[in-house]
Amino acid sequence: MNSAFSKYYDTVMRPLERKYFARIRADLIKEAKGYVLEVGAGTGINFAYYTSAEKVIALEPNAEMARKASQKAIHAKIPIEVIPGNAESLPFEDNTFDSIVGTLVLCTIPNPEIALSEIRRVCKNNGIVLFFEHVRLSNRYLGKLQDFLTPAWRHLCDGCHLNRNSLQLIMQKGFKVIGEKRHFRNICVTVIATNKKFLE
C-alpha cells in the first residue's frame, strides 16, 4: 500500500465521514451480530458502530492501517481483535462467523471473486453478510467516465477501482440479497445479504 495513502487516509476522509458515511456505516453495521469478521478493516473506522456483536475479528493486510485500527479497538464498546491477513486467503475454518462486514473494500481487493468465495466459506449457513461499496454507474456516459478515470485513480488511491460492479459480484457468488439501498445518486450501495449454502 502507498505509505502516504495509509498515513493520511483518516485525515482525507474525515469530512466525508462526518457528513455522509458515518450515518451509512452506523445503519449497516448495527446489523452485525454474534461472532463477526470484518474484512479490510483499514484504520478501524467501523469499530465505533458495532453495537450488537459479541466479538469482532478485524482483518487488515496493511501494517500501518492495522496499527491505527488496533488503537481504535482499545476504545470500542465490544471486544475487537485486529489481525494481519488478506481476503483472498482467510485464515479461518469453514462456517466460523455469524456475520461478515466489508466496507469500501471490494473495490481494492486484487481478486474480489476469490475473496467473496472465501467469505462465503467462512460464514455460517444463513449468516449475515454486510457490504458498503461504490459501484460502476449504469449511465452510459458516467460509466465510461469511471472506466477512463480508473487507471489514474488506482494509482492515487492504492488500487481502488472506480468502475468495479461490486453488487453484481456479490450476487454472482450466491449470496441472497435481502436489503439494498442506494446512495449519492447510485454511486454507492449498502447490501444486506444472507449466506445460503444449502437448498431449503
C-alpha atoms as a PDB file:
ATOM      1  CA  MET A   1       0.000   0.000   0.000  1.00  0.00           C
ATOM      2  CA  ASN A   2       1.098   3.542  -0.724  1.00  0.00           C
ATOM      3  CA  SER A   3       2.546   4.769   2.586  1.00  0.00           C
ATOM      4  CA  ALA A   4       1.198   8.300   2.126  1.00  0.00           C
ATOM      5  CA  PHE A   5      -2.280   6.917   1.423  1.00  0.00           C
ATOM      6  CA  SER A   6      -2.350   4.912   4.641  1.00  0.00           C
ATOM      7  CA  LYS A   7      -0.811   7.754   6.654  1.00  0.00           C
ATOM      8  CA  TYR A   8      -3.312  10.414   5.590  1.00  0.00           C
ATOM      9  CA  TYR A   9      -6.387   8.261   4.937  1.00  0.00           C
ATOM     10  CA  ASP A  10      -8.285   9.285   8.077  1.00  0.00           C
ATOM     11  CA  THR A  11      -7.490  12.965   7.585  1.00  0.00           C
ATOM     12  CA  VAL A  12      -8.577  12.989   3.949  1.00  0.00           C
ATOM     13  CA  MET A  13     -11.746  11.006   4.621  1.00  0.00           C
ATOM     14  CA  ARG A  14     -12.828  12.824   7.797  1.00  0.00           C
ATOM     15  CA  PRO A  15     -15.120  15.457   6.164  1.00  0.00           C
ATOM     16  CA  LEU A  16     -16.838  12.820   4.026  1.00  0.00           C
ATOM     17  CA  GLU A  17     -17.190  10.501   7.005  1.00  0.00           C
ATOM     18  CA  ARG A  18     -18.727  13.148   9.231  1.00  0.00           C
ATOM     19  CA  LYS A  19     -21.182  14.480   6.664  1.00  0.00           C
ATOM     20  CA  TYR A  20     -22.248  11.286   4.897  1.00  0.00           C
ATOM     21  CA  PHE A  21     -20.566   7.991   5.645  1.00  0.00           C
ATOM     22  CA  ALA A  22     -20.968   7.875   9.442  1.00  0.00           C
ATOM     23  CA  ARG A  23     -24.747   7.510   9.235  1.00  0.00           C
ATOM     24  CA  ILE A  24     -24.498   4.896   6.484  1.00  0.00           C
ATOM     25  CA  ARG A  25     -21.952   2.859   8.425  1.00  0.00           C
ATOM     26  CA  ALA A  26     -23.967   3.044  11.649  1.00  0.00           C
ATOM     27  CA  ASP A  27     -27.193   1.899   9.956  1.00  0.00           C
ATOM     28  CA  LEU A  28     -25.442  -1.031   8.293  1.00  0.00           C
ATOM     29  CA  ILE A  29     -23.084  -2.254  10.995  1.00  0.00           C
ATOM     30  CA  LYS A  30     -25.734  -2.396  13.702  1.00  0.00           C
ATOM     31  CA  GLU A  31     -26.951  -5.487  11.800  1.00  0.00           C
ATOM     32  CA  ALA A  32     -23.708  -7.375  12.566  1.00  0.00           C
ATOM     33  CA  LYS A  33     -24.389  -9.892  15.314  1.00  0.00           C
ATOM     34  CA  GLY A  34     -22.594 -12.714  17.093  1.00  0.00           C
ATOM     35  CA  TYR A  35     -19.035 -13.600  16.115  1.00  0.00           C
ATOM     36  CA  VAL A  36     -18.092 -11.128  13.376  1.00  0.00           C
ATOM     37  CA  LEU A  37     -15.346 -10.906  10.771  1.00  0.00           C
ATOM     38  CA  GLU A  38     -14.544  -7.526   9.262  1.00  0.00           C
ATOM     39  CA  VAL A  39     -12.583  -7.843   6.023  1.00  0.00           C
ATOM     40  CA  GLY A  40     -10.241  -4.981   5.166  1.00  0.00           C
ATOM     41  CA  ALA A  41     -10.773  -3.097   8.410  1.00  0.00           C
ATOM     42  CA  GLY A  42      -8.463  -0.263   7.372  1.00  0.00           C
ATOM     43  CA  THR A  43      -7.861   2.155  10.226  1.00  0.00           C
ATOM     44  CA  GLY A  44     -10.830   0.875  12.213  1.00  0.00           C
ATOM     45  CA  ILE A  45     -13.393   3.460  11.140  1.00  0.00           C
ATOM     46  CA  ASN A  46     -16.220   0.970  11.647  1.00  0.00           C
ATOM     47  CA  PHE A  47     -15.298  -0.038  15.179  1.00  0.00           C
ATOM     48  CA  ALA A  48     -17.400   2.618  16.912  1.00  0.00           C
ATOM     49  CA  TYR A  49     -20.553   1.386  15.164  1.00  0.00           C
ATOM     50  CA  TYR A  50     -20.615  -2.198  16.431  1.00  0.00           C
ATOM     51  CA  THR A  51     -23.432  -2.442  18.943  1.00  0.00           C
ATOM     52  CA  SER A  52     -24.826  -5.983  18.657  1.00  0.00           C
ATOM     53  CA  ALA A  53     -21.730  -8.099  18.030  1.00  0.00           C
ATOM     54  CA  GLU A  54     -20.209 -10.364  20.668  1.00  0.00           C
ATOM     55  CA  LYS A  55     -16.691 -10.131  19.255  1.00  0.00           C
ATOM     56  CA  VAL A  56     -15.102  -8.826  16.052  1.00  0.00           C
ATOM     57  CA  ILE A  57     -12.056 -10.174  14.270  1.00  0.00           C
ATOM     58  CA  ALA A  58     -10.765  -7.324  12.096  1.00  0.00           C
ATOM     59  CA  LEU A  59      -8.561  -8.433   9.204  1.00  0.00           C
ATOM     60  CA  GLU A  60      -6.214  -5.861   7.670  1.00  0.00           C
ATOM     61  CA  PRO A  61      -3.251  -6.531   5.336  1.00  0.00           C
ATOM     62  CA  ASN A  62      -1.559  -3.141   5.711  1.00  0.00           C
ATOM     63  CA  ALA A  63       0.640  -2.848   8.797  1.00  0.00           C
ATOM     64  CA  GLU A  64       0.245   0.918   9.225  1.00  0.00           C
ATOM     65  CA  MET A  65      -3.526   0.792   8.946  1.00  0.00           C
ATOM     66  CA  ALA A  66      -3.652  -2.214  11.267  1.00  0.00           C
ATOM     67  CA  ARG A  67      -1.627  -0.264  13.842  1.00  0.00           C
ATOM     68  CA  LYS A  68      -4.150   2.580  13.757  1.00  0.00           C
ATOM     69  CA  ALA A  69      -7.036   0.120  13.900  1.00  0.00           C
ATOM     70  CA  SER A  70      -5.552  -1.543  16.985  1.00  0.00           C
ATOM     71  CA  GLN A  71      -5.519   1.823  18.735  1.00  0.00           C
ATOM     72  CA  LYS A  72      -9.201   2.364  17.937  1.00  0.00           C
ATOM     73  CA  ALA A  73     -10.061  -1.176  19.056  1.00  0.00           C
ATOM     74  CA  ILE A  74      -8.998  -0.311  22.600  1.00  0.00           C
ATOM     75  CA  HIS A  75     -11.884   2.164  22.849  1.00  0.00           C
ATOM     76  CA  ALA A  76     -14.554   0.024  21.155  1.00  0.00           C
ATOM     77  CA  LYS A  77     -17.709  -0.978  23.010  1.00  0.00           C
ATOM     78  CA  ILE A  78     -17.200  -4.664  22.239  1.00  0.00           C
ATOM     79  CA  PRO A  79     -14.049  -6.845  22.004  1.00  0.00           C
ATOM     80  CA  ILE A  80     -12.192  -6.327  18.726  1.00  0.00           C
ATOM     81  CA  GLU A  81      -9.034  -8.167  17.706  1.00  0.00           C
ATOM     82  CA  VAL A  82      -7.024  -6.804  14.764  1.00  0.00           C
ATOM     83  CA  ILE A  83      -5.016  -9.391  12.843  1.00  0.00           C
ATOM     84  CA  PRO A  84      -2.965  -9.379   9.621  1.00  0.00           C
ATOM     85  CA  GLY A  85      -4.257 -11.152   6.532  1.00  0.00           C
ATOM     86  CA  ASN A  86      -5.939 -10.727   3.179  1.00  0.00           C
ATOM     87  CA  ALA A  87      -9.427 -11.558   1.988  1.00  0.00           C
ATOM     88  CA  GLU A  88      -8.330 -13.917  -0.767  1.00  0.00           C
ATOM     89  CA  SER A  89      -6.922 -16.373   1.783  1.00  0.00           C
ATOM     90  CA  LEU A  90      -8.849 -16.139   5.043  1.00  0.00           C
ATOM     91  CA  PRO A  91      -7.080 -17.973   7.901  1.00  0.00           C
ATOM     92  CA  PHE A  92     -10.242 -19.459   9.386  1.00  0.00           C
ATOM     93  CA  GLU A  93     -12.150 -22.738   9.374  1.00  0.00           C
ATOM     94  CA  ASP A  94     -15.323 -23.176   7.359  1.00  0.00           C
ATOM     95  CA  ASN A  95     -18.529 -21.861   8.968  1.00  0.00           C
ATOM     96  CA  THR A  96     -16.753 -19.819  11.625  1.00  0.00           C
ATOM     97  CA  PHE A  97     -18.591 -16.483  11.613  1.00  0.00           C
ATOM     98  CA  ASP A  98     -22.183 -15.385  12.221  1.00  0.00           C
ATOM     99  CA  SER A  99     -21.705 -12.092  10.355  1.00  0.00           C
ATOM    100  CA  ILE A 100     -19.151 -10.669   7.935  1.00  0.00           C
ATOM    101  CA  VAL A 101     -18.616  -6.973   7.200  1.00  0.00           C
ATOM    102  CA  GLY A 102     -16.844  -5.250   4.314  1.00  0.00           C
ATOM    103  CA  THR A 103     -16.934  -1.501   3.699  1.00  0.00           C
ATOM    104  CA  LEU A 104     -15.303   0.171   0.711  1.00  0.00           C
ATOM    105  CA  VAL A 105     -13.092  -2.874   0.333  1.00  0.00           C
ATOM    106  CA  LEU A 106     -14.195  -4.913  -2.700  1.00  0.00           C
ATOM    107  CA  CYS A 107     -13.011  -2.089  -4.961  1.00  0.00           C
ATOM    108  CA  THR A 108      -9.393  -2.542  -3.858  1.00  0.00           C
ATOM    109  CA  ILE A 109      -9.054  -6.312  -3.426  1.00  0.00           C
ATOM    110  CA  PRO A 110      -6.996  -7.651  -6.380  1.00  0.00           C
ATOM    111  CA  ASN A 111      -9.189 -10.759  -6.772  1.00  0.00           C
ATOM    112  CA  PRO A 112     -12.675  -9.936  -5.432  1.00  0.00           C
ATOM    113  CA  GLU A 113     -14.205 -13.147  -6.789  1.00  0.00           C
ATOM    114  CA  ILE A 114     -11.779 -15.247  -4.748  1.00  0.00           C
ATOM    115  CA  ALA A 115     -12.329 -13.031  -1.712  1.00  0.00           C
ATOM    116  CA  LEU A 116     -16.102 -13.457  -1.937  1.00  0.00           C
ATOM    117  CA  SER A 117     -15.697 -17.227  -2.222  1.00  0.00           C
ATOM    118  CA  GLU A 118     -13.588 -17.154   0.934  1.00  0.00           C
ATOM    119  CA  ILE A 119     -16.164 -15.001   2.711  1.00  0.00           C
ATOM    120  CA  ARG A 120     -18.859 -17.464   1.697  1.00  0.00           C
ATOM    121  CA  ARG A 121     -16.742 -20.332   3.023  1.00  0.00           C
ATOM    122  CA  VAL A 122     -16.032 -18.935   6.491  1.00  0.00           C
ATOM    123  CA  CYS A 123     -19.523 -17.519   7.022  1.00  0.00           C
ATOM    124  CA  LYS A 124     -22.078 -19.875   8.549  1.00  0.00           C
ATOM    125  CA  ASN A 125     -25.089 -21.046   6.591  1.00  0.00           C
ATOM    126  CA  ASN A 126     -27.730 -18.296   6.798  1.00  0.00           C
ATOM    127  CA  GLY A 127     -25.119 -15.960   8.240  1.00  0.00           C
ATOM    128  CA  ILE A 128     -25.385 -12.241   7.524  1.00  0.00           C
ATOM    129  CA  VAL A 129     -23.031 -10.517   5.093  1.00  0.00           C
ATOM    130  CA  LEU A 130     -22.922  -6.701   5.086  1.00  0.00           C
ATOM    131  CA  PHE A 131     -21.298  -4.504   2.453  1.00  0.00           C
ATOM    132  CA  PHE A 132     -20.968  -0.775   1.802  1.00  0.00           C
ATOM    133  CA  GLU A 133     -19.388  -0.277  -1.620  1.00  0.00           C
ATOM    134  CA  HIS A 134     -19.210   2.087  -4.557  1.00  0.00           C
ATOM    135  CA  VAL A 135     -20.175   0.668  -7.940  1.00  0.00           C
ATOM    136  CA  ARG A 136     -19.954   1.322 -11.659  1.00  0.00           C
ATOM    137  CA  LEU A 137     -22.833   3.545 -12.756  1.00  0.00           C
ATOM    138  CA  SER A 138     -25.340   2.188 -15.263  1.00  0.00           C
ATOM    139  CA  ASN A 139     -25.489   5.548 -17.036  1.00  0.00           C
ATOM    140  CA  ARG A 140     -23.679   5.042 -20.334  1.00  0.00           C
ATOM    141  CA  TYR A 141     -21.585   8.190 -20.192  1.00  0.00           C
ATOM    142  CA  LEU A 142     -20.855   8.270 -16.471  1.00  0.00           C
ATOM    143  CA  GLY A 143     -19.925   4.600 -16.526  1.00  0.00           C
ATOM    144  CA  LYS A 144     -17.450   5.256 -19.326  1.00  0.00           C
ATOM    145  CA  LEU A 145     -16.062   8.197 -17.360  1.00  0.00           C
ATOM    146  CA  GLN A 146     -15.420   5.858 -14.436  1.00  0.00           C
ATOM    147  CA  ASP A 147     -13.665   3.467 -16.824  1.00  0.00           C
ATOM    148  CA  PHE A 148     -11.491   6.312 -18.113  1.00  0.00           C
ATOM    149  CA  LEU A 149     -10.575   7.599 -14.643  1.00  0.00           C
ATOM    150  CA  THR A 150      -9.910   4.226 -13.020  1.00  0.00           C
ATOM    151  CA  PRO A 151      -6.230   3.755 -14.095  1.00  0.00           C
ATOM    152  CA  ALA A 152      -5.183   7.082 -12.563  1.00  0.00           C
ATOM    153  CA  TRP A 153      -7.483   6.616  -9.567  1.00  0.00           C
ATOM    154  CA  ARG A 154      -5.990   3.183  -8.856  1.00  0.00           C
ATOM    155  CA  HIS A 155      -2.529   4.753  -8.740  1.00  0.00           C
ATOM    156  CA  LEU A 156      -3.595   7.569  -6.408  1.00  0.00           C
ATOM    157  CA  CYS A 157      -5.850   5.505  -4.131  1.00  0.00           C
ATOM    158  CA  ASP A 158      -3.904   2.294  -3.724  1.00  0.00           C
ATOM    159  CA  GLY A 159      -5.638   0.065  -6.218  1.00  0.00           C
ATOM    160  CA  CYS A 160      -9.212   1.329  -5.888  1.00  0.00           C
ATOM    161  CA  HIS A 161     -11.321   0.542  -8.977  1.00  0.00           C
ATOM    162  CA  LEU A 162     -13.957   3.212  -9.584  1.00  0.00           C
ATOM    163  CA  ASN A 163     -15.680   1.023 -12.150  1.00  0.00           C
ATOM    164  CA  ARG A 164     -15.987  -2.277 -10.294  1.00  0.00           C
ATOM    165  CA  ASN A 165     -19.563  -3.582 -10.080  1.00  0.00           C
ATOM    166  CA  SER A 166     -19.332  -4.980  -6.580  1.00  0.00           C
ATOM    167  CA  LEU A 167     -23.064  -5.618  -6.187  1.00  0.00           C
ATOM    168  CA  GLN A 168     -23.101  -7.825  -9.263  1.00  0.00           C
ATOM    169  CA  LEU A 169     -20.106  -9.762  -7.951  1.00  0.00           C
ATOM    170  CA  ILE A 170     -21.853 -10.327  -4.617  1.00  0.00           C
ATOM    171  CA  MET A 171     -24.960 -11.677  -6.309  1.00  0.00           C
ATOM    172  CA  GLN A 172     -22.980 -13.850  -8.722  1.00  0.00           C
ATOM    173  CA  LYS A 173     -21.258 -15.571  -5.810  1.00  0.00           C
ATOM    174  CA  GLY A 174     -24.539 -16.914  -4.475  1.00  0.00           C
ATOM    175  CA  PHE A 175     -25.337 -14.531  -1.631  1.00  0.00           C
ATOM    176  CA  LYS A 176     -29.062 -13.812  -1.283  1.00  0.00           C
ATOM    177  CA  VAL A 177     -29.568 -10.051  -1.137  1.00  0.00           C
ATOM    178  CA  ILE A 178     -32.339  -9.216   1.338  1.00  0.00           C
ATOM    179  CA  GLY A 179     -31.677  -5.492   1.626  1.00  0.00           C
ATOM    180  CA  GLU A 180     -30.206  -2.978  -0.792  1.00  0.00           C
ATOM    181  CA  LYS A 181     -30.015   0.804  -0.528  1.00  0.00           C
ATOM    182  CA  ARG A 182     -28.505   3.242  -2.996  1.00  0.00           C
ATOM    183  CA  HIS A 183     -26.662   6.399  -2.000  1.00  0.00           C
ATOM    184  CA  PHE A 184     -25.272   9.500  -3.716  1.00  0.00           C
ATOM    185  CA  ARG A 185     -27.217   9.044  -6.960  1.00  0.00           C
ATOM    186  CA  ASN A 186     -26.399   5.349  -7.170  1.00  0.00           C
ATOM    187  CA  ILE A 187     -22.630   5.747  -6.804  1.00  0.00           C
ATOM    188  CA  CYS A 188     -22.657   3.789  -3.535  1.00  0.00           C
ATOM    189  CA  VAL A 189     -24.748   0.903  -2.292  1.00  0.00           C
ATOM    190  CA  THR A 190     -25.273  -0.826   1.032  1.00  0.00           C
ATOM    191  CA  VAL A 191     -26.115  -4.514   0.880  1.00  0.00           C
ATOM    192  CA  ILE A 192     -27.513  -6.900   3.464  1.00  0.00           C
ATOM    193  CA  ALA A 193     -27.302 -10.499   2.270  1.00  0.00           C
ATOM    194  CA  THR A 194     -27.620 -13.978   3.690  1.00  0.00           C
ATOM    195  CA  ASN A 195     -25.206 -16.800   3.037  1.00  0.00           C
ATOM    196  CA  LYS A 196     -27.462 -19.528   1.707  1.00  0.00           C
ATOM    197  CA  LYS A 197     -25.192 -22.547   1.409  1.00  0.00           C
ATOM    198  CA  PHE A 198     -27.851 -25.216   1.131  1.00  0.00           C
ATOM    199  CA  LEU A 199     -31.166 -25.521  -0.669  1.00  0.00           C
ATOM    200  CA  GLU A 200     -34.107 -25.188   1.689  1.00  0.00           C
END
